[in-house]
Amino acid sequence: MWQISRKKKLEKDDTKKEPDWITVNGVHIPIKPGQNKDDVVKNFLDKQKDKEPKKDTPKKDDKPKSGDVYNTSSYNNNDGKIEITVDKMNPKFFRSDITIEEYENYVSIGKDIWNDISDTEKSNIENLKIGLPNKQSKNASGTFDPNSKTIGLHLDNIRSVEGKTTEVIKGAIASVLTHEIAHSQFHLKAPVTQSDWSSDVLKEKPITEYLKKFRKTYEKARQKLENIKFDRNILYDELDKIDKQIKSGKLSDKSNDPLVSSPLERAEKRKASLERDIEHKSIMYNYAVAEEKDYRITYGNETHSEYKVMEKGHTPLWKSDKEVFNKLKPIYDNYFGGKN
């Protein structure tokens, strides 16, 4: 009975009509009995469209552009000689917990302080940029670029100073602007003045904690120079002795052993070796001299800026030493005549 029923069922299935097939976009699609061909194709294409990866929408560039700035018409621009840019605040790029309201308040404070500074003091400035620091100065509260004569006031970093009161921020902005403007003034001084001032202030202790890192870097460069100079002098002394021996005529040019050079030959070889070593040391020495000078003037430049901050009655961002400041006053007056 089971076999008969199974046979009849198979015979019945064999009578079913095979589906038609159609190829769409390289895919074979069956069209079953009763289905409309156009509907099948449409449904297939709709499903394919849903499976296609969606294109990413272009990311919006939130970094400040030329249009993302505040109006600066109320800033003192020294009769158009200074270009001023104040970026609008974008919380996405600020590291501290500054709010837009706080940022705009600090911008206003910065403007008032900037406008109170005389045009004479700003004579070596061509650009003022208020906003975020660049990548090279991401931790700095302010910067001065002597090449473009640009002062940068970085409100994000200033906001991170201890304390949140308006007075604290006002004092910090005043200190930073004064410090950077002093850098611009220092670059106007004659190289010999910069060098001599720097040498003299190094005879005293740093007037603020901020200067200690510059002092340490200078001391390393100075010690490096002294070490190279010492080593080179030893070579010079030995070369002098060898040269005298050769010129004395007392060194024999004969050798009893064919495998051993004569005393004169050995002396001449040693002299040639010493001359090569001295040449190499001289190159190192010249480089070290330039490096020592750079770090010495950098220290003098930073000391000049910290001095100006204290002279104007502002509180430096770092702990200061009033006693050392008083010792520097006659040195400052000697080089800069009590001006700038």
C-alpha atoms as a PDB file:
ATOM      1  CA  MET A   1       0.000   0.000   0.000  1.00  0.00           C
ATOM      2  CA  TRP A   2       2.794   2.360   0.935  1.00  0.00           C
ATOM      3  CA  GLN A   3       4.652   1.544  -2.308  1.00  0.00           C
ATOM      4  CA  ILE A   4       1.574   2.203  -4.474  1.00  0.00           C
ATOM      5  CA  SER A   5       0.866   5.537  -2.783  1.00  0.00           C
ATOM      6  CA  ARG A   6       4.527   6.583  -3.085  1.00  0.00           C
ATOM      7  CA  LYS A   7       4.528   5.675  -6.798  1.00  0.00           C
ATOM      8  CA  LYS A   8       1.381   7.694  -7.472  1.00  0.00           C
ATOM      9  CA  LYS A   9       2.867  10.685  -5.617  1.00  0.00           C
ATOM     10  CA  LEU A  10       6.070  10.597  -7.638  1.00  0.00           C
ATOM     11  CA  GLU A  11       4.094  10.325 -10.862  1.00  0.00           C
ATOM     12  CA  LYS A  12       2.025  13.325  -9.801  1.00  0.00           C
ATOM     13  CA  ASP A  13       5.207  15.350  -9.001  1.00  0.00           C
ATOM     14  CA  ASP A  14       6.650  14.506 -12.399  1.00  0.00           C
ATOM     15  CA  THR A  15       3.719  16.159 -14.029  1.00  0.00           C
ATOM     16  CA  LYS A  16       4.608  19.539 -12.425  1.00  0.00           C
ATOM     17  CA  LYS A  17       5.830  22.162 -14.892  1.00  0.00           C
ATOM     18  CA  GLU A  18       9.507  23.086 -14.676  1.00  0.00           C
ATOM     19  CA  PRO A  19      10.147  26.854 -13.890  1.00  0.00           C
ATOM     20  CA  ASP A  20      11.398  29.183 -16.599  1.00  0.00           C
ATOM     21  CA  TRP A  21      14.742  30.949 -16.000  1.00  0.00           C
ATOM     22  CA  ILE A  22      15.929  34.449 -16.807  1.00  0.00           C
ATOM     23  CA  THR A  23      19.361  36.045 -16.403  1.00  0.00           C
ATOM     24  CA  VAL A  24      19.591  39.508 -14.815  1.00  0.00           C
ATOM     25  CA  ASN A  25      22.981  41.158 -14.240  1.00  0.00           C
ATOM     26  CA  GLY A  26      24.664  37.785 -14.598  1.00  0.00           C
ATOM     27  CA  VAL A  27      22.366  36.062 -12.077  1.00  0.00           C
ATOM     28  CA  HIS A  28      19.972  33.237 -13.092  1.00  0.00           C
ATOM     29  CA  ILE A  29      16.501  33.805 -11.629  1.00  0.00           C
ATOM     30  CA  PRO A  30      13.695  31.237 -11.701  1.00  0.00           C
ATOM     31  CA  ILE A  31      10.218  32.339 -12.776  1.00  0.00           C
ATOM     32  CA  LYS A  32       7.755  29.967 -11.186  1.00  0.00           C
ATOM     33  CA  PRO A  33       4.397  29.128 -12.727  1.00  0.00           C
ATOM     34  CA  GLY A  34       1.985  31.959 -12.107  1.00  0.00           C
ATOM     35  CA  GLN A  35       4.652  34.610 -11.512  1.00  0.00           C
ATOM     36  CA  ASN A  36       4.878  37.705 -13.678  1.00  0.00           C
ATOM     37  CA  LYS A  37       8.287  38.054 -15.315  1.00  0.00           C
ATOM     38  CA  ASP A  38       8.440  41.839 -14.917  1.00  0.00           C
ATOM     39  CA  ASP A  39       7.528  41.622 -11.223  1.00  0.00           C
ATOM     40  CA  VAL A  40      10.260  39.037 -10.605  1.00  0.00           C
ATOM     41  CA  VAL A  41      12.894  41.209 -12.277  1.00  0.00           C
ATOM     42  CA  LYS A  42      11.755  44.308 -10.387  1.00  0.00           C
ATOM     43  CA  ASN A  43      11.835  42.512  -7.024  1.00  0.00           C
ATOM     44  CA  PHE A  44      15.307  41.172  -7.744  1.00  0.00           C
ATOM     45  CA  LEU A  45      16.691  44.590  -8.680  1.00  0.00           C
ATOM     46  CA  ASP A  46      15.134  46.176  -5.585  1.00  0.00           C
ATOM     47  CA  LYS A  47      16.815  43.594  -3.352  1.00  0.00           C
ATOM     48  CA  GLN A  48      20.151  44.134  -5.086  1.00  0.00           C
ATOM     49  CA  LYS A  49      19.883  47.856  -4.514  1.00  0.00           C
ATOM     50  CA  ASP A  50      19.295  47.314  -0.784  1.00  0.00           C
ATOM     51  CA  LYS A  51      22.427  45.158  -0.563  1.00  0.00           C
ATOM     52  CA  GLU A  52      24.697  47.752  -2.163  1.00  0.00           C
ATOM     53  CA  PRO A  53      27.060  49.387   0.371  1.00  0.00           C
ATOM     54  CA  LYS A  54      25.977  52.901   1.155  1.00  0.00           C
ATOM     55  CA  LYS A  55      28.479  55.583   0.328  1.00  0.00           C
ATOM     56  CA  ASP A  56      29.885  57.395   3.341  1.00  0.00           C
ATOM     57  CA  THR A  57      28.711  60.929   3.557  1.00  0.00           C
ATOM     58  CA  PRO A  58      31.649  63.322   3.453  1.00  0.00           C
ATOM     59  CA  LYS A  59      32.838  64.198   6.955  1.00  0.00           C
ATOM     60  CA  LYS A  60      32.421  67.778   7.861  1.00  0.00           C
ATOM     61  CA  ASP A  61      35.721  69.528   8.457  1.00  0.00           C
ATOM     62  CA  ASP A  62      35.206  71.342  11.735  1.00  0.00           C
ATOM     63  CA  LYS A  63      38.657  72.888  11.796  1.00  0.00           C
ATOM     64  CA  PRO A  64      38.617  76.676  11.648  1.00  0.00           C
ATOM     65  CA  LYS A  65      38.443  78.039   8.121  1.00  0.00           C
ATOM     66  CA  SER A  66      38.684  81.575   6.901  1.00  0.00           C
ATOM     67  CA  GLY A  67      34.978  82.040   7.561  1.00  0.00           C
ATOM     68  CA  ASP A  68      35.095  80.517  11.045  1.00  0.00           C
ATOM     69  CA  VAL A  69      36.488  83.602  12.703  1.00  0.00           C
ATOM     70  CA  TYR A  70      35.173  86.438  14.796  1.00  0.00           C
ATOM     71  CA  ASN A  71      34.960  89.970  13.528  1.00  0.00           C
ATOM     72  CA  THR A  72      38.177  91.741  14.520  1.00  0.00           C
ATOM     73  CA  SER A  73      37.335  95.293  13.491  1.00  0.00           C
ATOM     74  CA  SER A  74      37.458  96.396  17.141  1.00  0.00           C
ATOM     75  CA  TYR A  75      41.061  95.248  17.556  1.00  0.00           C
ATOM     76  CA  ASN A  76      43.951  97.687  17.414  1.00  0.00           C
ATOM     77  CA  ASN A  77      45.834  96.658  14.277  1.00  0.00           C
ATOM     78  CA  ASN A  78      48.443  99.437  14.304  1.00  0.00           C
ATOM     79  CA  ASP A  79      46.853 101.296  11.385  1.00  0.00           C
ATOM     80  CA  GLY A  80      46.409  98.142   9.343  1.00  0.00           C
ATOM     81  CA  LYS A  81      49.954  96.862   9.835  1.00  0.00           C
ATOM     82  CA  ILE A  82      48.833  93.852  11.874  1.00  0.00           C
ATOM     83  CA  GLU A  83      46.527  91.148  10.544  1.00  0.00           C
ATOM     84  CA  ILE A  84      44.345  89.734  13.304  1.00  0.00           C
ATOM     85  CA  THR A  85      42.553  86.382  13.284  1.00  0.00           C
ATOM     86  CA  VAL A  86      40.354  85.049  16.097  1.00  0.00           C
ATOM     87  CA  ASP A  87      39.090  81.517  15.544  1.00  0.00           C
ATOM     88  CA  LYS A  88      35.589  80.637  16.594  1.00  0.00           C
ATOM     89  CA  MET A  89      35.492  78.071  19.356  1.00  0.00           C
ATOM     90  CA  ASN A  90      34.942  74.430  18.437  1.00  0.00           C
ATOM     91  CA  PRO A  91      34.733  72.177  21.556  1.00  0.00           C
ATOM     92  CA  LYS A  92      35.775  69.192  19.462  1.00  0.00           C
ATOM     93  CA  PHE A  93      39.339  70.470  19.232  1.00  0.00           C
ATOM     94  CA  PHE A  94      39.761  71.834  22.750  1.00  0.00           C
ATOM     95  CA  ARG A  95      41.447  69.692  25.402  1.00  0.00           C
ATOM     96  CA  SER A  96      40.306  71.595  28.492  1.00  0.00           C
ATOM     97  CA  ASP A  97      36.742  71.885  29.749  1.00  0.00           C
ATOM     98  CA  ILE A  98      36.322  75.387  28.375  1.00  0.00           C
ATOM     99  CA  THR A  99      32.802  76.322  27.283  1.00  0.00           C
ATOM    100  CA  ILE A 100      31.845  78.545  24.378  1.00  0.00           C
ATOM    101  CA  GLU A 101      30.759  81.244  26.821  1.00  0.00           C
ATOM    102  CA  GLU A 102      34.089  81.096  28.639  1.00  0.00           C
ATOM    103  CA  TYR A 103      36.011  81.104  25.373  1.00  0.00           C
ATOM    104  CA  GLU A 104      34.217  84.192  24.106  1.00  0.00           C
ATOM    105  CA  ASN A 105      34.807  85.861  27.460  1.00  0.00           C
ATOM    106  CA  TYR A 106      38.535  85.132  27.187  1.00  0.00           C
ATOM    107  CA  VAL A 107      38.542  86.435  23.624  1.00  0.00           C
ATOM    108  CA  SER A 108      37.028  89.672  24.907  1.00  0.00           C
ATOM    109  CA  ILE A 109      39.587  89.874  27.716  1.00  0.00           C
ATOM    110  CA  GLY A 110      42.407  89.272  25.254  1.00  0.00           C
ATOM    111  CA  LYS A 111      41.117  91.995  22.964  1.00  0.00           C
ATOM    112  CA  ASP A 112      41.014  94.577  25.776  1.00  0.00           C
ATOM    113  CA  ILE A 113      44.535  93.699  26.914  1.00  0.00           C
ATOM    114  CA  TRP A 114      45.832  93.764  23.343  1.00  0.00           C
ATOM    115  CA  ASN A 115      44.276  97.154  22.649  1.00  0.00           C
ATOM    116  CA  ASP A 116      45.900  98.620  25.776  1.00  0.00           C
ATOM    117  CA  ILE A 117      49.389  97.738  24.512  1.00  0.00           C
ATOM    118  CA  SER A 118      51.051 100.586  22.645  1.00  0.00           C
ATOM    119  CA  ASP A 119      51.751 100.461  18.920  1.00  0.00           C
ATOM    120  CA  THR A 120      55.435 101.033  19.665  1.00  0.00           C
ATOM    121  CA  GLU A 121      55.653  97.792  21.601  1.00  0.00           C
ATOM    122  CA  LYS A 122      53.919  95.963  18.733  1.00  0.00           C
ATOM    123  CA  SER A 123      56.163  97.412  16.030  1.00  0.00           C
ATOM    124  CA  ASN A 124      57.713  94.037  15.118  1.00  0.00           C
ATOM    125  CA  ILE A 125      54.403  92.165  14.865  1.00  0.00           C
ATOM    126  CA  GLU A 126      52.542  91.542  11.618  1.00  0.00           C
ATOM    127  CA  ASN A 127      50.029  88.887  12.699  1.00  0.00           C
ATOM    128  CA  LEU A 128      48.029  88.066  15.819  1.00  0.00           C
ATOM    129  CA  LYS A 129      46.255  84.708  15.927  1.00  0.00           C
ATOM    130  CA  ILE A 130      43.930  83.824  18.792  1.00  0.00           C
ATOM    131  CA  GLY A 131      42.620  80.286  19.102  1.00  0.00           C
ATOM    132  CA  LEU A 132      44.216  76.855  19.112  1.00  0.00           C
ATOM    133  CA  PRO A 133      47.981  76.225  19.054  1.00  0.00           C
ATOM    134  CA  ASN A 134      49.655  74.670  16.054  1.00  0.00           C
ATOM    135  CA  LYS A 135      51.046  71.128  16.175  1.00  0.00           C
ATOM    136  CA  GLN A 136      54.563  72.307  16.937  1.00  0.00           C
ATOM    137  CA  SER A 137      53.417  74.311  19.963  1.00  0.00           C
ATOM    138  CA  LYS A 138      50.491  72.249  21.211  1.00  0.00           C
ATOM    139  CA  ASN A 139      51.400  72.765  24.894  1.00  0.00           C
ATOM    140  CA  ALA A 140      52.365  76.425  24.703  1.00  0.00           C
ATOM    141  CA  SER A 141      50.155  79.228  26.021  1.00  0.00           C
ATOM    142  CA  GLY A 142      51.641  81.612  23.510  1.00  0.00           C
ATOM    143  CA  THR A 143      54.170  81.728  20.674  1.00  0.00           C
ATOM    144  CA  PHE A 144      56.109  84.191  18.573  1.00  0.00           C
ATOM    145  CA  ASP A 145      57.366  83.221  15.118  1.00  0.00           C
ATOM    146  CA  PRO A 146      60.167  85.624  14.127  1.00  0.00           C
ATOM    147  CA  ASN A 147      59.953  84.578  10.465  1.00  0.00           C
ATOM    148  CA  SER A 148      56.300  85.490   9.957  1.00  0.00           C
ATOM    149  CA  LYS A 149      56.310  87.906  12.926  1.00  0.00           C
ATOM    150  CA  THR A 150      53.227  86.173  14.266  1.00  0.00           C
ATOM    151  CA  ILE A 151      52.045  86.081  17.862  1.00  0.00           C
ATOM    152  CA  GLY A 152      49.820  83.176  18.850  1.00  0.00           C
ATOM    153  CA  LEU A 153      47.558  83.353  21.894  1.00  0.00           C
ATOM    154  CA  HIS A 154      46.369  79.826  22.706  1.00  0.00           C
ATOM    155  CA  LEU A 155      43.279  80.113  24.893  1.00  0.00           C
ATOM    156  CA  ASP A 156      42.869  76.370  25.333  1.00  0.00           C
ATOM    157  CA  ASN A 157      46.231  76.104  27.110  1.00  0.00           C
ATOM    158  CA  ILE A 158      45.704  79.299  29.071  1.00  0.00           C
ATOM    159  CA  ARG A 159      42.398  77.906  30.276  1.00  0.00           C
ATOM    160  CA  SER A 160      44.248  74.991  31.882  1.00  0.00           C
ATOM    161  CA  VAL A 161      46.109  77.238  34.341  1.00  0.00           C
ATOM    162  CA  GLU A 162      45.255  76.793  37.996  1.00  0.00           C
ATOM    163  CA  GLY A 163      42.121  78.677  38.981  1.00  0.00           C
ATOM    164  CA  LYS A 164      39.023  79.530  36.985  1.00  0.00           C
ATOM    165  CA  THR A 165      38.210  83.083  37.931  1.00  0.00           C
ATOM    166  CA  THR A 166      38.102  85.823  35.350  1.00  0.00           C
ATOM    167  CA  GLU A 167      40.864  87.677  37.176  1.00  0.00           C
ATOM    168  CA  VAL A 168      43.161  84.659  37.022  1.00  0.00           C
ATOM    169  CA  ILE A 169      42.542  84.241  33.311  1.00  0.00           C
ATOM    170  CA  LYS A 170      42.969  87.959  32.734  1.00  0.00           C
ATOM    171  CA  GLY A 171      46.338  87.882  34.485  1.00  0.00           C
ATOM    172  CA  ALA A 172      47.421  84.827  32.504  1.00  0.00           C
ATOM    173  CA  ILE A 173      46.480  86.383  29.157  1.00  0.00           C
ATOM    174  CA  ALA A 174      48.277  89.611  30.069  1.00  0.00           C
ATOM    175  CA  SER A 175      51.401  87.653  31.024  1.00  0.00           C
ATOM    176  CA  VAL A 176      51.366  85.592  27.838  1.00  0.00           C
ATOM    177  CA  LEU A 177      50.855  88.564  25.516  1.00  0.00           C
ATOM    178  CA  THR A 178      53.552  90.565  27.322  1.00  0.00           C
ATOM    179  CA  HIS A 179      55.950  87.601  27.160  1.00  0.00           C
ATOM    180  CA  GLU A 180      55.455  87.060  23.420  1.00  0.00           C
ATOM    181  CA  ILE A 181      55.590  90.761  22.554  1.00  0.00           C
ATOM    182  CA  ALA A 182      58.884  90.933  24.457  1.00  0.00           C
ATOM    183  CA  HIS A 183      60.182  88.163  22.183  1.00  0.00           C
ATOM    184  CA  SER A 184      59.312  90.290  19.160  1.00  0.00           C
ATOM    185  CA  GLN A 185      61.214  93.207  20.700  1.00  0.00           C
ATOM    186  CA  PHE A 186      64.259  91.087  21.517  1.00  0.00           C
ATOM    187  CA  HIS A 187      64.593  90.084  17.852  1.00  0.00           C
ATOM    188  CA  LEU A 188      65.014  93.764  16.967  1.00  0.00           C
ATOM    189  CA  LYS A 189      68.179  94.032  19.057  1.00  0.00           C
ATOM    190  CA  ALA A 190      71.627  93.822  17.514  1.00  0.00           C
ATOM    191  CA  PRO A 191      73.169  90.318  17.615  1.00  0.00           C
ATOM    192  CA  VAL A 192      76.029  91.517  19.818  1.00  0.00           C
ATOM    193  CA  THR A 193      73.522  93.005  22.291  1.00  0.00           C
ATOM    194  CA  GLN A 194      71.561  89.770  22.364  1.00  0.00           C
ATOM    195  CA  SER A 195      74.732  87.764  22.959  1.00  0.00           C
ATOM    196  CA  ASP A 196      76.219  89.991  25.657  1.00  0.00           C
ATOM    197  CA  TRP A 197      72.924  90.359  27.518  1.00  0.00           C
ATOM    198  CA  SER A 198      72.493  86.591  27.481  1.00  0.00           C
ATOM    199  CA  SER A 199      75.991  86.025  28.865  1.00  0.00           C
ATOM    200  CA  ASP A 200      75.417  88.506  31.692  1.00  0.00           C
ATOM    201  CA  VAL A 201      72.024  87.186  32.798  1.00  0.00           C
ATOM    202  CA  LEU A 202      73.508  83.693  32.962  1.00  0.00           C
ATOM    203  CA  LYS A 203      75.663  84.961  35.828  1.00  0.00           C
ATOM    204  CA  GLU A 204      72.492  85.254  37.929  1.00  0.00           C
ATOM    205  CA  LYS A 205      69.901  82.668  38.898  1.00  0.00           C
ATOM    206  CA  PRO A 206      66.759  82.299  36.742  1.00  0.00           C
ATOM    207  CA  ILE A 207      64.089  84.830  37.701  1.00  0.00           C
ATOM    208  CA  THR A 208      61.280  82.296  37.183  1.00  0.00           C
ATOM    209  CA  GLU A 209      60.907  78.514  37.355  1.00  0.00           C
ATOM    210  CA  TYR A 210      60.043  78.568  33.658  1.00  0.00           C
ATOM    211  CA  LEU A 211      63.644  79.491  32.808  1.00  0.00           C
ATOM    212  CA  LYS A 212      65.203  76.523  34.567  1.00  0.00           C
ATOM    213  CA  LYS A 213      64.665  74.133  31.666  1.00  0.00           C
ATOM    214  CA  PHE A 214      66.368  76.577  29.296  1.00  0.00           C
ATOM    215  CA  ARG A 215      69.212  77.014  31.774  1.00  0.00           C
ATOM    216  CA  LYS A 216      69.661  73.249  32.015  1.00  0.00           C
ATOM    217  CA  THR A 217      69.747  72.863  28.240  1.00  0.00           C
ATOM    218  CA  TYR A 218      72.331  75.626  27.976  1.00  0.00           C
ATOM    219  CA  GLU A 219      74.537  74.105  30.684  1.00  0.00           C
ATOM    220  CA  LYS A 220      74.589  70.797  28.806  1.00  0.00           C
ATOM    221  CA  ALA A 221      75.637  72.557  25.612  1.00  0.00           C
ATOM    222  CA  ARG A 222      78.324  74.531  27.441  1.00  0.00           C
ATOM    223  CA  GLN A 223      79.719  71.396  29.080  1.00  0.00           C
ATOM    224  CA  LYS A 224      79.758  69.609  25.730  1.00  0.00           C
ATOM    225  CA  LEU A 225      81.765  72.481  24.268  1.00  0.00           C
ATOM    226  CA  GLU A 226      84.229  72.419  27.171  1.00  0.00           C
ATOM    227  CA  ASN A 227      84.746  68.664  26.833  1.00  0.00           C
ATOM    228  CA  ILE A 228      85.480  68.886  23.116  1.00  0.00           C
ATOM    229  CA  LYS A 229      87.814  71.823  23.688  1.00  0.00           C
ATOM    230  CA  PHE A 230      89.672  69.889  26.411  1.00  0.00           C
ATOM    231  CA  ASP A 231      90.090  66.794  24.218  1.00  0.00           C
ATOM    232  CA  ARG A 232      91.272  68.851  21.264  1.00  0.00           C
ATOM    233  CA  ASN A 233      93.858  70.681  23.396  1.00  0.00           C
ATOM    234  CA  ILE A 234      95.341  67.346  24.487  1.00  0.00           C
ATOM    235  CA  LEU A 235      95.726  66.402  20.835  1.00  0.00           C
ATOM    236  CA  TYR A 236      97.323  69.771  20.081  1.00  0.00           C
ATOM    237  CA  ASP A 237      99.825  69.306  22.921  1.00  0.00           C
ATOM    238  CA  GLU A 238     100.843  65.860  21.693  1.00  0.00           C
ATOM    239  CA  LEU A 239     101.107  67.098  18.110  1.00  0.00           C
ATOM    240  CA  ASP A 240     103.367  69.921  19.252  1.00  0.00           C
ATOM    241  CA  LYS A 241     105.713  67.485  21.012  1.00  0.00           C
ATOM    242  CA  ILE A 242     105.831  65.102  18.042  1.00  0.00           C
ATOM    243  CA  ASP A 243     106.501  67.968  15.665  1.00  0.00           C
ATOM    244  CA  LYS A 244     109.380  69.222  17.787  1.00  0.00           C
ATOM    245  CA  GLN A 245     110.907  65.725  17.878  1.00  0.00           C
ATOM    246  CA  ILE A 246     110.715  65.434  14.099  1.00  0.00           C
ATOM    247  CA  LYS A 247     112.256  68.867  13.551  1.00  0.00           C
ATOM    248  CA  SER A 248     115.040  68.220  16.076  1.00  0.00           C
ATOM    249  CA  GLY A 249     116.685  65.763  13.717  1.00  0.00           C
ATOM    250  CA  LYS A 250     117.375  63.402  16.583  1.00  0.00           C
ATOM    251  CA  LEU A 251     115.010  60.687  15.425  1.00  0.00           C
ATOM    252  CA  SER A 252     116.699  57.983  13.397  1.00  0.00           C
ATOM    253  CA  ASP A 253     115.340  57.051  10.027  1.00  0.00           C
ATOM    254  CA  LYS A 254     116.915  53.588  10.331  1.00  0.00           C
ATOM    255  CA  SER A 255     115.447  50.431  11.809  1.00  0.00           C
ATOM    256  CA  ASN A 256     117.278  47.295  12.939  1.00  0.00           C
ATOM    257  CA  ASP A 257     114.103  45.255  12.385  1.00  0.00           C
ATOM    258  CA  PRO A 258     112.609  45.181   8.871  1.00  0.00           C
ATOM    259  CA  LEU A 259     109.186  44.536  10.388  1.00  0.00           C
ATOM    260  CA  VAL A 260     109.376  47.643  12.580  1.00  0.00           C
ATOM    261  CA  SER A 261     109.296  51.196  11.299  1.00  0.00           C
ATOM    262  CA  SER A 262     112.087  53.573  12.180  1.00  0.00           C
ATOM    263  CA  PRO A 263     111.570  56.098  15.014  1.00  0.00           C
ATOM    264  CA  LEU A 264     111.207  58.886  12.449  1.00  0.00           C
ATOM    265  CA  GLU A 265     108.598  56.978  10.429  1.00  0.00           C
ATOM    266  CA  ARG A 266     106.601  56.190  13.568  1.00  0.00           C
ATOM    267  CA  ALA A 267     106.683  59.837  14.597  1.00  0.00           C
ATOM    268  CA  GLU A 268     105.523  60.975  11.162  1.00  0.00           C
ATOM    269  CA  LYS A 269     102.673  58.438  11.153  1.00  0.00           C
ATOM    270  CA  ARG A 270     101.586  59.565  14.606  1.00  0.00           C
ATOM    271  CA  LYS A 271     101.709  63.188  13.481  1.00  0.00           C
ATOM    272  CA  ALA A 272      99.455  62.427  10.508  1.00  0.00           C
ATOM    273  CA  SER A 273      97.025  60.556  12.760  1.00  0.00           C
ATOM    274  CA  LEU A 274      96.918  63.444  15.247  1.00  0.00           C
ATOM    275  CA  GLU A 275      96.234  65.932  12.471  1.00  0.00           C
ATOM    276  CA  ARG A 276      93.269  63.863  11.291  1.00  0.00           C
ATOM    277  CA  ASP A 277      91.909  63.610  14.834  1.00  0.00           C
ATOM    278  CA  ILE A 278      92.309  67.344  15.353  1.00  0.00           C
ATOM    279  CA  GLU A 279      90.489  68.078  12.091  1.00  0.00           C
ATOM    280  CA  HIS A 280      87.586  65.891  13.230  1.00  0.00           C
ATOM    281  CA  LYS A 281      87.557  67.478  16.695  1.00  0.00           C
ATOM    282  CA  SER A 282      87.638  70.941  15.130  1.00  0.00           C
ATOM    283  CA  ILE A 283      84.489  70.188  13.155  1.00  0.00           C
ATOM    284  CA  MET A 284      82.816  68.996  16.346  1.00  0.00           C
ATOM    285  CA  TYR A 285      84.125  72.050  18.183  1.00  0.00           C
ATOM    286  CA  ASN A 286      82.737  74.512  15.640  1.00  0.00           C
ATOM    287  CA  TYR A 287      79.348  72.836  15.802  1.00  0.00           C
ATOM    288  CA  ALA A 288      79.427  72.925  19.610  1.00  0.00           C
ATOM    289  CA  VAL A 289      80.351  76.617  19.579  1.00  0.00           C
ATOM    290  CA  ALA A 290      77.322  77.419  17.421  1.00  0.00           C
ATOM    291  CA  GLU A 291      75.086  75.227  19.595  1.00  0.00           C
ATOM    292  CA  GLU A 292      76.299  76.883  22.799  1.00  0.00           C
ATOM    293  CA  LYS A 293      75.615  80.306  21.323  1.00  0.00           C
ATOM    294  CA  ASP A 294      72.109  79.334  20.199  1.00  0.00           C
ATOM    295  CA  TYR A 295      71.141  78.002  23.631  1.00  0.00           C
ATOM    296  CA  ARG A 296      72.763  80.968  25.389  1.00  0.00           C
ATOM    297  CA  ILE A 297      70.793  83.489  23.324  1.00  0.00           C
ATOM    298  CA  THR A 298      67.628  81.434  23.707  1.00  0.00           C
ATOM    299  CA  TYR A 299      68.053  81.658  27.462  1.00  0.00           C
ATOM    300  CA  GLY A 300      68.658  85.404  27.192  1.00  0.00           C
ATOM    301  CA  ASN A 301      65.593  85.793  24.983  1.00  0.00           C
ATOM    302  CA  GLU A 302      63.357  83.923  27.425  1.00  0.00           C
ATOM    303  CA  THR A 303      64.836  85.827  30.389  1.00  0.00           C
ATOM    304  CA  HIS A 304      64.108  89.108  28.603  1.00  0.00           C
ATOM    305  CA  SER A 305      60.462  88.082  28.171  1.00  0.00           C
ATOM    306  CA  GLU A 306      60.040  86.957  31.784  1.00  0.00           C
ATOM    307  CA  TYR A 307      61.687  90.175  32.943  1.00  0.00           C
ATOM    308  CA  LYS A 308      59.213  92.264  30.934  1.00  0.00           C
ATOM    309  CA  VAL A 309      56.285  90.361  32.443  1.00  0.00           C
ATOM    310  CA  MET A 310      57.480  91.168  35.961  1.00  0.00           C
ATOM    311  CA  GLU A 311      58.481  94.729  35.066  1.00  0.00           C
ATOM    312  CA  LYS A 312      54.936  95.472  33.912  1.00  0.00           C
ATOM    313  CA  GLY A 313      53.549  94.149  37.178  1.00  0.00           C
ATOM    314  CA  HIS A 314      52.039  90.952  35.812  1.00  0.00           C
ATOM    315  CA  THR A 315      52.325  87.655  37.612  1.00  0.00           C
ATOM    316  CA  PRO A 316      54.360  85.128  35.592  1.00  0.00           C
ATOM    317  CA  LEU A 317      52.722  81.769  34.932  1.00  0.00           C
ATOM    318  CA  TRP A 318      55.608  80.177  36.846  1.00  0.00           C
ATOM    319  CA  LYS A 319      56.986  80.910  40.310  1.00  0.00           C
ATOM    320  CA  SER A 320      59.216  84.002  40.249  1.00  0.00           C
ATOM    321  CA  ASP A 321      62.110  85.391  42.310  1.00  0.00           C
ATOM    322  CA  LYS A 322      61.775  89.102  43.032  1.00  0.00           C
ATOM    323  CA  GLU A 323      65.274  89.325  44.486  1.00  0.00           C
ATOM    324  CA  VAL A 324      66.854  88.050  41.276  1.00  0.00           C
ATOM    325  CA  PHE A 325      64.587  90.357  39.283  1.00  0.00           C
ATOM    326  CA  ASN A 326      66.050  93.335  41.158  1.00  0.00           C
ATOM    327  CA  LYS A 327      69.579  92.128  40.381  1.00  0.00           C
ATOM    328  CA  LEU A 328      68.759  92.001  36.689  1.00  0.00           C
ATOM    329  CA  LYS A 329      67.370  95.533  36.563  1.00  0.00           C
ATOM    330  CA  PRO A 330      70.750  97.342  36.205  1.00  0.00           C
ATOM    331  CA  ILE A 331      71.814  94.765  33.591  1.00  0.00           C
ATOM    332  CA  TYR A 332      68.589  95.361  31.679  1.00  0.00           C
ATOM    333  CA  ASP A 333      68.973  99.145  31.862  1.00  0.00           C
ATOM    334  CA  ASN A 334      72.560  98.855  30.667  1.00  0.00           C
ATOM    335  CA  TYR A 335      71.644  97.011  27.480  1.00  0.00           C
ATOM    336  CA  PHE A 336      68.195  98.366  26.738  1.00  0.00           C
ATOM    337  CA  GLY A 337      68.255 101.772  28.395  1.00  0.00           C
ATOM    338  CA  GLY A 338      65.174 100.986  30.453  1.00  0.00           C
ATOM    339  CA  LYS A 339      63.100 100.864  27.265  1.00  0.00           C
ATOM    340  CA  ASN A 340      61.322  97.868  25.774  1.00  0.00           C
END
